[in-house]
Amino acid sequence: MKFDVNKLQWIREPVDYTISDNRIEIITKPHTDLWQRTYYHFRNDNAPVLQMKTDEKFFSFTVKTQFFSKCRFDQCGIVMYLDSENWLKASIEYENEKFQHLGSVVTNSGYSDWATTEINADIKTMWYRFSRREDDYCVECSEDGVIFRQMRVCHMWKGNGTISFGIYACSPEESSFKAIFTDMQITECKWLPHDGQQPDKNKL
């Protein structure tokens, strides 16, 4: 499988964007977000999402993000959007001039969670790697594109067949900013089997 921009499809196309073979730019629109129910009780499902489909069971997708966020909750990163109630995303959410949240959200059956860690607000570039092993998933991040750190391992109840994955950017509050995505590639799965795990079913 190869990353091909011609295979990408929009869910909620943004007003302003540019796409080339190795660079995608999105200008976010105010009051756009992805979240379902938990804690805040609201349901937001209007963020622009750009994805491609695959039925490949074992692979990794890597992308570099550069962002010029300036308002609380401005965010951009990777996403696997199956439908409004089943998806995952990983991104940096701007909070204030001192810190922002590096985190991920997994939504199964209409309920979102949010796992985060605080990082310095001066960070404006981050790499993400999204890996699939059948219906289990791993999300990692890197500040240099070489050394990746695990953010989350999760199971997606509707993630065992054909999936859609890619990138997203949004501004939940009264804001708009530019998000830049480069260095996009799909490789063999970098998330290796756990020691003692049975061989992959399609590699016997």
N, C-alpha and C. Protein backbone atom coordinates (compact mmCIF):
# COMPACT_ATOMS: atom_id res chain seq x y z
N MET A 1 0.85 -1.20 0.00
CA MET A 1 0.00 0.00 0.00
C MET A 1 0.88 1.25 0.00
N LYS A 2 0.49 2.22 -0.78
CA LYS A 2 1.25 3.46 -0.90
C LYS A 2 0.35 4.65 -0.59
N PHE A 3 0.92 5.68 0.05
CA PHE A 3 0.14 6.87 0.31
C PHE A 3 0.01 7.67 -0.98
N ASP A 4 -1.22 7.85 -1.42
CA ASP A 4 -1.52 8.52 -2.68
C ASP A 4 -2.59 9.57 -2.42
N VAL A 5 -2.24 10.85 -2.61
CA VAL A 5 -3.20 11.93 -2.32
C VAL A 5 -4.44 11.83 -3.20
N ASN A 6 -4.32 11.17 -4.33
CA ASN A 6 -5.48 11.02 -5.22
C ASN A 6 -6.54 10.08 -4.65
N LYS A 7 -6.16 9.31 -3.64
CA LYS A 7 -7.11 8.40 -2.99
C LYS A 7 -7.80 9.02 -1.78
N LEU A 8 -7.39 10.22 -1.42
CA LEU A 8 -7.95 10.88 -0.25
C LEU A 8 -9.34 11.43 -0.55
N GLN A 9 -10.21 11.35 0.42
CA GLN A 9 -11.57 11.87 0.29
C GLN A 9 -11.92 12.69 1.53
N TRP A 10 -12.64 13.76 1.29
CA TRP A 10 -13.05 14.63 2.39
C TRP A 10 -14.32 14.14 3.07
N ILE A 11 -14.32 14.25 4.37
CA ILE A 11 -15.56 14.27 5.15
C ILE A 11 -15.65 15.69 5.70
N ARG A 12 -16.60 16.43 5.24
CA ARG A 12 -16.74 17.86 5.60
C ARG A 12 -15.53 18.66 5.10
N GLU A 13 -15.53 18.95 3.84
CA GLU A 13 -14.46 19.69 3.20
C GLU A 13 -14.32 21.10 3.79
N PRO A 14 -13.12 21.54 4.13
CA PRO A 14 -12.94 22.90 4.66
C PRO A 14 -13.09 23.95 3.57
N VAL A 15 -13.25 25.17 3.97
CA VAL A 15 -13.43 26.26 3.00
C VAL A 15 -12.13 26.54 2.25
N ASP A 16 -11.00 26.44 2.96
CA ASP A 16 -9.71 26.83 2.37
C ASP A 16 -8.68 25.73 2.62
N TYR A 17 -8.12 25.17 1.53
CA TYR A 17 -7.09 24.15 1.66
C TYR A 17 -6.32 24.03 0.35
N THR A 18 -5.13 23.43 0.42
CA THR A 18 -4.35 23.11 -0.77
C THR A 18 -3.78 21.70 -0.60
N ILE A 19 -3.71 20.96 -1.70
CA ILE A 19 -3.19 19.59 -1.66
C ILE A 19 -2.21 19.39 -2.80
N SER A 20 -1.02 18.90 -2.47
CA SER A 20 -0.05 18.47 -3.48
C SER A 20 0.45 17.09 -3.08
N ASP A 21 1.36 16.52 -3.85
CA ASP A 21 1.82 15.16 -3.59
C ASP A 21 2.47 15.00 -2.23
N ASN A 22 3.15 16.04 -1.75
CA ASN A 22 3.89 15.90 -0.50
C ASN A 22 3.57 16.97 0.54
N ARG A 23 2.47 17.68 0.34
CA ARG A 23 2.12 18.75 1.28
C ARG A 23 0.61 19.04 1.23
N ILE A 24 0.00 19.09 2.40
CA ILE A 24 -1.42 19.43 2.51
C ILE A 24 -1.55 20.57 3.52
N GLU A 25 -2.26 21.62 3.15
CA GLU A 25 -2.50 22.73 4.06
C GLU A 25 -4.00 22.89 4.27
N ILE A 26 -4.39 23.08 5.51
CA ILE A 26 -5.79 23.29 5.86
C ILE A 26 -5.90 24.55 6.70
N ILE A 27 -6.81 25.44 6.33
CA ILE A 27 -7.16 26.59 7.16
C ILE A 27 -8.45 26.24 7.89
N THR A 28 -8.38 26.21 9.21
CA THR A 28 -9.54 25.76 9.98
C THR A 28 -10.64 26.81 10.02
N LYS A 29 -11.84 26.32 10.28
CA LYS A 29 -13.01 27.16 10.42
C LYS A 29 -13.42 27.17 11.89
N PRO A 30 -13.85 28.31 12.41
CA PRO A 30 -14.27 28.37 13.82
C PRO A 30 -15.42 27.40 14.12
N HIS A 31 -15.45 26.95 15.38
CA HIS A 31 -16.53 26.11 15.91
C HIS A 31 -16.61 24.76 15.19
N THR A 32 -15.45 24.16 14.93
CA THR A 32 -15.39 22.81 14.36
C THR A 32 -14.66 21.90 15.34
N ASP A 33 -15.14 20.66 15.48
CA ASP A 33 -14.56 19.79 16.50
C ASP A 33 -15.04 18.35 16.29
N LEU A 34 -14.38 17.41 16.99
CA LEU A 34 -14.81 16.02 17.09
C LEU A 34 -14.85 15.65 18.57
N TRP A 35 -16.02 15.33 19.08
CA TRP A 35 -16.18 14.87 20.46
C TRP A 35 -17.56 14.25 20.62
N GLN A 36 -17.65 13.22 21.46
CA GLN A 36 -18.93 12.58 21.71
C GLN A 36 -19.20 12.38 23.21
N ARG A 37 -20.13 13.13 23.72
CA ARG A 37 -20.80 12.93 25.01
C ARG A 37 -19.96 13.08 26.27
N THR A 38 -19.00 12.20 26.49
CA THR A 38 -18.38 12.00 27.80
C THR A 38 -17.99 13.31 28.51
N TYR A 39 -18.38 13.44 29.75
CA TYR A 39 -18.05 14.54 30.65
C TYR A 39 -18.65 15.88 30.24
N TYR A 40 -18.36 16.29 29.01
CA TYR A 40 -18.86 17.59 28.55
C TYR A 40 -20.32 17.50 28.10
N HIS A 41 -20.77 16.29 27.80
CA HIS A 41 -22.14 15.99 27.40
C HIS A 41 -22.51 16.42 25.99
N PHE A 42 -21.77 17.38 25.42
CA PHE A 42 -22.11 17.79 24.06
C PHE A 42 -21.60 16.79 23.04
N ARG A 43 -22.11 16.91 21.82
CA ARG A 43 -21.70 16.06 20.71
C ARG A 43 -21.32 16.97 19.55
N ASN A 44 -20.03 16.98 19.19
CA ASN A 44 -19.54 17.78 18.08
C ASN A 44 -18.98 16.86 17.00
N ASP A 45 -19.46 17.02 15.81
CA ASP A 45 -19.08 16.12 14.71
C ASP A 45 -19.02 16.90 13.40
N ASN A 46 -18.21 17.96 13.38
CA ASN A 46 -18.17 18.80 12.19
C ASN A 46 -16.75 19.18 11.75
N ALA A 47 -15.74 18.51 12.26
CA ALA A 47 -14.36 18.82 11.86
C ALA A 47 -14.06 18.29 10.47
N PRO A 48 -13.31 19.03 9.66
CA PRO A 48 -12.86 18.52 8.36
C PRO A 48 -11.92 17.33 8.54
N VAL A 49 -12.17 16.26 7.81
CA VAL A 49 -11.37 15.04 7.88
C VAL A 49 -11.02 14.62 6.46
N LEU A 50 -9.75 14.33 6.22
CA LEU A 50 -9.28 13.92 4.89
C LEU A 50 -8.66 12.52 5.03
N GLN A 51 -9.26 11.52 4.37
CA GLN A 51 -8.90 10.13 4.60
C GLN A 51 -8.79 9.30 3.33
N MET A 52 -8.17 8.14 3.47
CA MET A 52 -8.19 7.12 2.45
C MET A 52 -8.66 5.81 3.08
N LYS A 53 -9.20 4.91 2.24
CA LYS A 53 -9.71 3.63 2.73
C LYS A 53 -8.72 2.51 2.49
N THR A 54 -8.78 1.51 3.37
CA THR A 54 -7.97 0.32 3.16
C THR A 54 -8.59 -0.86 3.92
N ASP A 55 -8.31 -2.06 3.41
CA ASP A 55 -8.66 -3.27 4.15
C ASP A 55 -7.38 -4.00 4.59
N GLU A 56 -6.23 -3.33 4.41
CA GLU A 56 -4.96 -3.88 4.87
C GLU A 56 -4.97 -4.01 6.40
N LYS A 57 -4.57 -5.17 6.91
CA LYS A 57 -4.68 -5.44 8.35
C LYS A 57 -3.46 -5.04 9.15
N PHE A 58 -2.32 -4.88 8.49
CA PHE A 58 -1.08 -4.58 9.20
C PHE A 58 -0.32 -3.50 8.44
N PHE A 59 -0.23 -2.30 9.00
CA PHE A 59 0.51 -1.21 8.36
C PHE A 59 0.72 -0.08 9.35
N SER A 60 1.56 0.87 8.96
CA SER A 60 1.77 2.10 9.73
C SER A 60 1.66 3.30 8.81
N PHE A 61 1.05 4.36 9.29
CA PHE A 61 0.93 5.63 8.57
C PHE A 61 1.62 6.70 9.39
N THR A 62 2.54 7.43 8.76
CA THR A 62 3.32 8.46 9.44
C THR A 62 3.11 9.81 8.75
N VAL A 63 3.03 10.88 9.55
CA VAL A 63 2.87 12.22 8.99
C VAL A 63 3.50 13.24 9.93
N LYS A 64 4.05 14.28 9.34
CA LYS A 64 4.59 15.40 10.09
C LYS A 64 3.59 16.55 10.07
N THR A 65 3.31 17.13 11.24
CA THR A 65 2.40 18.27 11.32
C THR A 65 3.15 19.51 11.76
N GLN A 66 2.80 20.62 11.14
CA GLN A 66 3.28 21.94 11.56
C GLN A 66 2.06 22.82 11.71
N PHE A 67 1.97 23.57 12.80
CA PHE A 67 0.72 24.28 13.08
C PHE A 67 1.00 25.64 13.69
N PHE A 68 0.07 26.53 13.46
CA PHE A 68 0.18 27.90 13.94
C PHE A 68 -1.03 28.23 14.80
N SER A 69 -1.34 27.31 15.71
CA SER A 69 -2.49 27.46 16.59
C SER A 69 -2.28 28.64 17.54
N LYS A 70 -3.40 29.24 17.93
CA LYS A 70 -3.31 30.45 18.76
C LYS A 70 -4.46 30.60 19.74
N CYS A 71 -5.44 29.72 19.65
CA CYS A 71 -6.62 29.83 20.49
C CYS A 71 -6.88 28.49 21.18
N ARG A 72 -7.50 28.52 22.34
CA ARG A 72 -7.77 27.32 23.10
C ARG A 72 -8.48 26.25 22.27
N PHE A 73 -7.94 25.05 22.33
CA PHE A 73 -8.46 23.85 21.67
C PHE A 73 -8.14 23.74 20.19
N ASP A 74 -7.49 24.75 19.58
CA ASP A 74 -7.01 24.58 18.20
C ASP A 74 -6.22 23.28 18.12
N GLN A 75 -6.44 22.47 17.06
CA GLN A 75 -5.80 21.16 17.02
C GLN A 75 -5.66 20.64 15.59
N CYS A 76 -4.66 19.81 15.37
CA CYS A 76 -4.50 19.10 14.10
C CYS A 76 -3.68 17.86 14.33
N GLY A 77 -3.96 16.82 13.55
CA GLY A 77 -3.22 15.59 13.73
C GLY A 77 -3.74 14.47 12.86
N ILE A 78 -3.64 13.24 13.37
CA ILE A 78 -4.09 12.07 12.63
C ILE A 78 -5.46 11.64 13.12
N VAL A 79 -6.15 10.89 12.26
CA VAL A 79 -7.51 10.47 12.59
C VAL A 79 -7.84 9.16 11.88
N MET A 80 -8.66 8.36 12.51
CA MET A 80 -9.33 7.24 11.86
C MET A 80 -10.81 7.42 12.14
N TYR A 81 -11.53 7.91 11.16
CA TYR A 81 -12.95 8.23 11.32
C TYR A 81 -13.77 7.19 10.59
N LEU A 82 -14.43 6.32 11.35
CA LEU A 82 -15.26 5.27 10.77
C LEU A 82 -16.69 5.75 10.58
N ASP A 83 -17.25 6.38 11.60
CA ASP A 83 -18.53 7.06 11.53
C ASP A 83 -18.60 8.00 12.72
N SER A 84 -19.70 8.71 12.90
CA SER A 84 -19.77 9.76 13.90
C SER A 84 -19.57 9.26 15.33
N GLU A 85 -19.80 7.97 15.56
CA GLU A 85 -19.71 7.44 16.92
C GLU A 85 -18.57 6.45 17.12
N ASN A 86 -17.71 6.30 16.10
CA ASN A 86 -16.58 5.37 16.19
C ASN A 86 -15.39 5.97 15.45
N TRP A 87 -14.42 6.45 16.21
CA TRP A 87 -13.26 7.08 15.60
C TRP A 87 -12.16 7.27 16.65
N LEU A 88 -10.97 7.57 16.18
CA LEU A 88 -9.88 7.96 17.08
C LEU A 88 -9.11 9.11 16.44
N LYS A 89 -8.47 9.91 17.28
CA LYS A 89 -7.64 11.01 16.79
C LYS A 89 -6.49 11.23 17.76
N ALA A 90 -5.40 11.80 17.25
CA ALA A 90 -4.26 12.20 18.07
C ALA A 90 -3.78 13.55 17.58
N SER A 91 -3.48 14.44 18.51
CA SER A 91 -3.14 15.81 18.12
C SER A 91 -2.54 16.56 19.30
N ILE A 92 -2.14 17.79 19.04
CA ILE A 92 -1.79 18.75 20.08
C ILE A 92 -2.91 19.79 20.13
N GLU A 93 -3.47 19.99 21.30
CA GLU A 93 -4.51 21.01 21.49
C GLU A 93 -3.92 22.18 22.24
N TYR A 94 -3.97 23.34 21.62
CA TYR A 94 -3.45 24.55 22.25
C TYR A 94 -4.30 24.91 23.48
N GLU A 95 -3.64 25.33 24.53
CA GLU A 95 -4.35 25.75 25.73
C GLU A 95 -4.12 27.23 26.05
N ASN A 96 -2.85 27.63 26.18
CA ASN A 96 -2.53 29.03 26.44
C ASN A 96 -1.07 29.28 26.04
N GLU A 97 -0.53 30.43 26.39
CA GLU A 97 0.82 30.79 25.98
C GLU A 97 1.90 29.97 26.69
N LYS A 98 1.52 29.24 27.74
CA LYS A 98 2.50 28.47 28.51
C LYS A 98 2.52 26.99 28.14
N PHE A 99 1.34 26.39 27.91
CA PHE A 99 1.33 24.96 27.66
C PHE A 99 0.20 24.57 26.71
N GLN A 100 0.31 23.36 26.18
CA GLN A 100 -0.73 22.78 25.34
C GLN A 100 -0.80 21.29 25.66
N HIS A 101 -1.85 20.62 25.17
CA HIS A 101 -2.05 19.22 25.49
C HIS A 101 -1.70 18.33 24.29
N LEU A 102 -0.75 17.46 24.48
CA LEU A 102 -0.46 16.39 23.52
C LEU A 102 -1.31 15.20 23.95
N GLY A 103 -2.23 14.77 23.09
CA GLY A 103 -3.13 13.73 23.55
C GLY A 103 -3.82 12.98 22.44
N SER A 104 -4.69 12.06 22.85
CA SER A 104 -5.44 11.25 21.92
C SER A 104 -6.83 10.99 22.46
N VAL A 105 -7.75 10.79 21.55
CA VAL A 105 -9.14 10.50 21.89
C VAL A 105 -9.56 9.23 21.16
N VAL A 106 -10.17 8.32 21.88
CA VAL A 106 -10.76 7.13 21.28
C VAL A 106 -12.26 7.15 21.57
N THR A 107 -13.05 7.00 20.52
CA THR A 107 -14.50 7.01 20.64
C THR A 107 -15.05 5.69 20.14
N ASN A 108 -15.65 4.92 21.03
CA ASN A 108 -16.32 3.66 20.70
C ASN A 108 -17.79 3.77 21.09
N SER A 109 -18.68 3.46 20.17
CA SER A 109 -20.12 3.44 20.43
C SER A 109 -20.63 4.76 21.01
N GLY A 110 -20.07 5.86 20.52
CA GLY A 110 -20.61 7.17 20.86
C GLY A 110 -20.12 7.80 22.13
N TYR A 111 -19.04 7.27 22.74
CA TYR A 111 -18.49 7.85 23.95
C TYR A 111 -17.00 8.05 23.79
N SER A 112 -16.55 9.29 23.97
CA SER A 112 -15.14 9.64 23.81
C SER A 112 -14.40 9.60 25.14
N ASP A 113 -13.10 9.28 25.06
CA ASP A 113 -12.22 9.52 26.20
C ASP A 113 -11.14 10.50 25.76
N TRP A 114 -10.27 10.90 26.68
CA TRP A 114 -9.21 11.84 26.33
C TRP A 114 -8.02 11.59 27.24
N ALA A 115 -6.91 11.16 26.67
CA ALA A 115 -5.67 10.92 27.41
C ALA A 115 -4.65 11.97 26.97
N THR A 116 -4.11 12.73 27.93
CA THR A 116 -3.23 13.85 27.57
C THR A 116 -2.02 13.96 28.49
N THR A 117 -1.05 14.73 27.99
CA THR A 117 0.07 15.18 28.80
C THR A 117 0.39 16.61 28.39
N GLU A 118 0.80 17.44 29.33
CA GLU A 118 1.10 18.83 29.03
C GLU A 118 2.49 18.96 28.43
N ILE A 119 2.59 19.77 27.38
CA ILE A 119 3.88 20.08 26.75
C ILE A 119 3.98 21.59 26.57
N ASN A 120 5.17 22.05 26.30
CA ASN A 120 5.42 23.48 26.16
C ASN A 120 4.67 24.06 24.96
N ALA A 121 4.14 25.25 25.12
CA ALA A 121 3.38 25.90 24.05
C ALA A 121 4.25 26.33 22.88
N ASP A 122 5.57 26.32 23.06
CA ASP A 122 6.48 26.72 21.98
C ASP A 122 6.61 25.63 20.91
N ILE A 123 6.20 24.41 21.21
CA ILE A 123 6.30 23.32 20.24
C ILE A 123 5.27 23.51 19.14
N LYS A 124 5.72 23.61 17.91
CA LYS A 124 4.82 23.87 16.77
C LYS A 124 4.96 22.82 15.66
N THR A 125 5.68 21.75 15.96
CA THR A 125 5.84 20.66 15.00
C THR A 125 5.76 19.34 15.74
N MET A 126 5.06 18.37 15.17
CA MET A 126 5.00 17.04 15.78
C MET A 126 4.75 16.00 14.69
N TRP A 127 5.44 14.87 14.80
CA TRP A 127 5.21 13.71 13.94
C TRP A 127 4.27 12.75 14.66
N TYR A 128 3.43 12.07 13.88
CA TYR A 128 2.56 11.03 14.42
C TYR A 128 2.71 9.77 13.59
N ARG A 129 2.58 8.63 14.27
CA ARG A 129 2.56 7.34 13.57
C ARG A 129 1.37 6.53 14.07
N PHE A 130 0.53 6.15 13.12
CA PHE A 130 -0.68 5.38 13.37
C PHE A 130 -0.47 3.97 12.83
N SER A 131 -0.59 2.96 13.70
CA SER A 131 -0.32 1.59 13.28
C SER A 131 -1.52 0.70 13.55
N ARG A 132 -1.74 -0.23 12.62
CA ARG A 132 -2.86 -1.17 12.74
C ARG A 132 -2.36 -2.60 12.81
N ARG A 133 -2.91 -3.35 13.75
CA ARG A 133 -2.75 -4.80 13.79
C ARG A 133 -4.15 -5.37 13.93
N GLU A 134 -4.77 -5.68 12.80
CA GLU A 134 -6.15 -6.17 12.73
C GLU A 134 -7.12 -5.15 13.33
N ASP A 135 -7.75 -5.43 14.48
CA ASP A 135 -8.68 -4.45 15.05
C ASP A 135 -8.10 -3.77 16.29
N ASP A 136 -6.78 -3.86 16.47
CA ASP A 136 -6.08 -3.13 17.51
C ASP A 136 -5.19 -2.06 16.88
N TYR A 137 -4.97 -0.97 17.62
CA TYR A 137 -4.29 0.18 17.05
C TYR A 137 -3.31 0.79 18.04
N CYS A 138 -2.26 1.38 17.50
CA CYS A 138 -1.26 2.06 18.30
C CYS A 138 -1.01 3.44 17.70
N VAL A 139 -0.93 4.45 18.58
CA VAL A 139 -0.63 5.81 18.15
C VAL A 139 0.65 6.25 18.85
N GLU A 140 1.60 6.78 18.07
CA GLU A 140 2.87 7.25 18.61
C GLU A 140 3.15 8.67 18.14
N CYS A 141 4.06 9.35 18.82
CA CYS A 141 4.45 10.71 18.43
C CYS A 141 5.97 10.84 18.47
N SER A 142 6.47 11.84 17.78
CA SER A 142 7.91 12.07 17.72
C SER A 142 8.18 13.54 17.44
N GLU A 143 9.20 14.08 18.07
CA GLU A 143 9.57 15.47 17.81
C GLU A 143 10.59 15.59 16.69
N ASP A 144 11.18 14.46 16.26
CA ASP A 144 12.19 14.52 15.21
C ASP A 144 11.93 13.57 14.04
N GLY A 145 10.85 12.78 14.11
CA GLY A 145 10.54 11.85 13.04
C GLY A 145 11.39 10.60 13.06
N VAL A 146 12.21 10.43 14.08
CA VAL A 146 13.10 9.27 14.18
C VAL A 146 12.74 8.43 15.40
N ILE A 147 12.73 9.05 16.55
CA ILE A 147 12.41 8.37 17.80
C ILE A 147 10.95 8.61 18.13
N PHE A 148 10.14 7.55 18.13
CA PHE A 148 8.71 7.66 18.41
C PHE A 148 8.40 7.13 19.81
N ARG A 149 7.48 7.81 20.48
CA ARG A 149 7.04 7.43 21.82
C ARG A 149 5.56 7.03 21.77
N GLN A 150 5.25 5.96 22.44
CA GLN A 150 3.87 5.47 22.45
C GLN A 150 2.95 6.43 23.20
N MET A 151 1.83 6.77 22.57
CA MET A 151 0.80 7.58 23.20
C MET A 151 -0.36 6.71 23.69
N ARG A 152 -0.69 5.69 22.90
CA ARG A 152 -1.88 4.90 23.23
C ARG A 152 -1.90 3.61 22.43
N VAL A 153 -2.40 2.56 23.07
CA VAL A 153 -2.79 1.32 22.41
C VAL A 153 -4.27 1.13 22.70
N CYS A 154 -5.06 0.81 21.67
CA CYS A 154 -6.51 0.71 21.89
C CYS A 154 -7.13 -0.31 20.95
N HIS A 155 -8.34 -0.68 21.27
CA HIS A 155 -9.15 -1.57 20.44
C HIS A 155 -10.32 -0.77 19.89
N MET A 156 -10.63 -0.97 18.62
CA MET A 156 -11.79 -0.33 18.01
C MET A 156 -12.80 -1.39 17.65
N TRP A 157 -13.99 -1.28 18.26
CA TRP A 157 -15.00 -2.33 18.09
C TRP A 157 -15.49 -2.45 16.65
N LYS A 158 -15.41 -1.36 15.90
CA LYS A 158 -15.80 -1.41 14.49
C LYS A 158 -14.58 -1.29 13.58
N GLY A 159 -13.42 -1.61 14.11
CA GLY A 159 -12.19 -1.43 13.34
C GLY A 159 -11.58 -2.70 12.82
N ASN A 160 -12.40 -3.73 12.58
CA ASN A 160 -11.84 -5.00 12.13
C ASN A 160 -11.99 -5.26 10.64
N GLY A 161 -12.62 -4.35 9.91
CA GLY A 161 -12.79 -4.53 8.47
C GLY A 161 -12.11 -3.43 7.69
N THR A 162 -12.78 -2.94 6.67
CA THR A 162 -12.26 -1.79 5.92
C THR A 162 -12.33 -0.55 6.80
N ILE A 163 -11.24 0.19 6.85
CA ILE A 163 -11.20 1.41 7.67
C ILE A 163 -10.84 2.61 6.79
N SER A 164 -11.03 3.78 7.34
CA SER A 164 -10.58 5.02 6.72
C SER A 164 -9.69 5.75 7.71
N PHE A 165 -8.58 6.30 7.24
CA PHE A 165 -7.63 6.98 8.12
C PHE A 165 -6.98 8.13 7.37
N GLY A 166 -6.46 9.10 8.13
CA GLY A 166 -5.80 10.23 7.49
C GLY A 166 -5.51 11.34 8.47
N ILE A 167 -5.91 12.57 8.10
CA ILE A 167 -5.56 13.76 8.87
C ILE A 167 -6.80 14.61 9.12
N TYR A 168 -6.67 15.52 10.09
CA TYR A 168 -7.77 16.44 10.38
C TYR A 168 -7.21 17.71 11.02
N ALA A 169 -8.01 18.76 11.03
CA ALA A 169 -7.67 20.00 11.73
C ALA A 169 -8.96 20.72 12.05
N CYS A 170 -9.02 21.36 13.23
CA CYS A 170 -10.24 22.05 13.61
C CYS A 170 -9.98 23.10 14.68
N SER A 171 -10.94 23.98 14.86
CA SER A 171 -10.88 25.05 15.85
C SER A 171 -12.22 25.11 16.58
N PRO A 172 -12.33 24.47 17.76
CA PRO A 172 -13.61 24.42 18.47
C PRO A 172 -14.15 25.78 18.90
N GLU A 173 -13.27 26.75 19.12
CA GLU A 173 -13.75 28.06 19.56
C GLU A 173 -13.69 29.07 18.41
N GLU A 174 -13.72 30.34 18.72
CA GLU A 174 -13.76 31.40 17.71
C GLU A 174 -12.35 31.64 17.19
N SER A 175 -11.90 30.74 16.30
CA SER A 175 -10.51 30.79 15.86
C SER A 175 -10.37 30.21 14.46
N SER A 176 -9.24 30.50 13.85
CA SER A 176 -8.87 29.91 12.57
C SER A 176 -7.35 29.92 12.48
N PHE A 177 -6.75 28.81 12.04
CA PHE A 177 -5.30 28.75 11.93
C PHE A 177 -4.91 27.83 10.78
N LYS A 178 -3.63 27.88 10.39
CA LYS A 178 -3.13 27.03 9.31
C LYS A 178 -2.45 25.79 9.87
N ALA A 179 -2.83 24.63 9.35
CA ALA A 179 -2.19 23.36 9.69
C ALA A 179 -1.54 22.80 8.43
N ILE A 180 -0.29 22.38 8.54
CA ILE A 180 0.48 21.88 7.41
C ILE A 180 0.87 20.42 7.68
N PHE A 181 0.63 19.56 6.69
CA PHE A 181 0.94 18.13 6.80
C PHE A 181 1.92 17.76 5.70
N THR A 182 3.04 17.16 6.08
CA THR A 182 4.06 16.75 5.11
C THR A 182 4.62 15.38 5.49
N ASP A 183 5.54 14.87 4.65
CA ASP A 183 6.26 13.62 4.94
C ASP A 183 5.30 12.46 5.22
N MET A 184 4.24 12.38 4.46
CA MET A 184 3.23 11.34 4.65
C MET A 184 3.67 10.05 3.97
N GLN A 185 3.66 8.97 4.70
CA GLN A 185 4.03 7.69 4.11
C GLN A 185 3.35 6.54 4.81
N ILE A 186 3.16 5.46 4.06
CA ILE A 186 2.61 4.22 4.59
C ILE A 186 3.69 3.15 4.45
N THR A 187 3.92 2.42 5.53
CA THR A 187 4.97 1.41 5.54
C THR A 187 4.43 0.10 6.12
N GLU A 188 5.28 -0.91 6.15
CA GLU A 188 4.93 -2.12 6.89
C GLU A 188 4.72 -1.73 8.34
N CYS A 189 4.01 -2.55 9.07
CA CYS A 189 3.64 -2.20 10.43
C CYS A 189 4.88 -2.07 11.33
N LYS A 190 5.07 -0.88 11.90
CA LYS A 190 6.19 -0.62 12.80
C LYS A 190 5.88 -1.04 14.24
N TRP A 191 4.62 -1.33 14.49
CA TRP A 191 4.18 -1.79 15.81
C TRP A 191 4.30 -3.31 15.82
N LEU A 192 5.38 -3.79 16.37
CA LEU A 192 5.72 -5.20 16.28
C LEU A 192 4.89 -6.05 17.23
N PRO A 193 4.77 -7.36 16.94
CA PRO A 193 4.04 -8.25 17.85
C PRO A 193 4.69 -8.27 19.22
N HIS A 194 3.87 -8.45 20.24
CA HIS A 194 4.39 -8.57 21.60
C HIS A 194 5.14 -9.90 21.74
N ASP A 195 6.18 -9.91 22.57
CA ASP A 195 6.92 -11.14 22.80
C ASP A 195 5.98 -12.25 23.25
N GLY A 196 6.04 -13.38 22.56
CA GLY A 196 5.18 -14.50 22.90
C GLY A 196 3.85 -14.50 22.20
N GLN A 197 3.57 -13.43 21.45
CA GLN A 197 2.30 -13.35 20.72
C GLN A 197 2.29 -14.33 19.56
N GLN A 198 1.12 -14.84 19.24
CA GLN A 198 0.97 -15.74 18.09
C GLN A 198 1.31 -15.00 16.80
N PRO A 199 1.80 -15.72 15.77
CA PRO A 199 2.12 -15.07 14.49
C PRO A 199 0.90 -14.39 13.89
N ASP A 200 1.14 -13.33 13.11
CA ASP A 200 0.06 -12.64 12.45
C ASP A 200 -0.67 -13.60 11.53
N LYS A 201 -2.00 -13.51 11.52
CA LYS A 201 -2.82 -14.47 10.79
C LYS A 201 -2.55 -14.48 9.29
N ASN A 202 -2.23 -13.31 8.74
CA ASN A 202 -2.03 -13.26 7.30
C ASN A 202 -0.57 -13.44 6.91
N LYS A 203 0.26 -13.86 7.90
CA LYS A 203 1.67 -14.05 7.62
C LYS A 203 2.15 -15.45 7.97
N LEU A 204 1.19 -16.38 8.12
CA LEU A 204 1.55 -17.75 8.45
C LEU A 204 2.20 -18.44 7.26
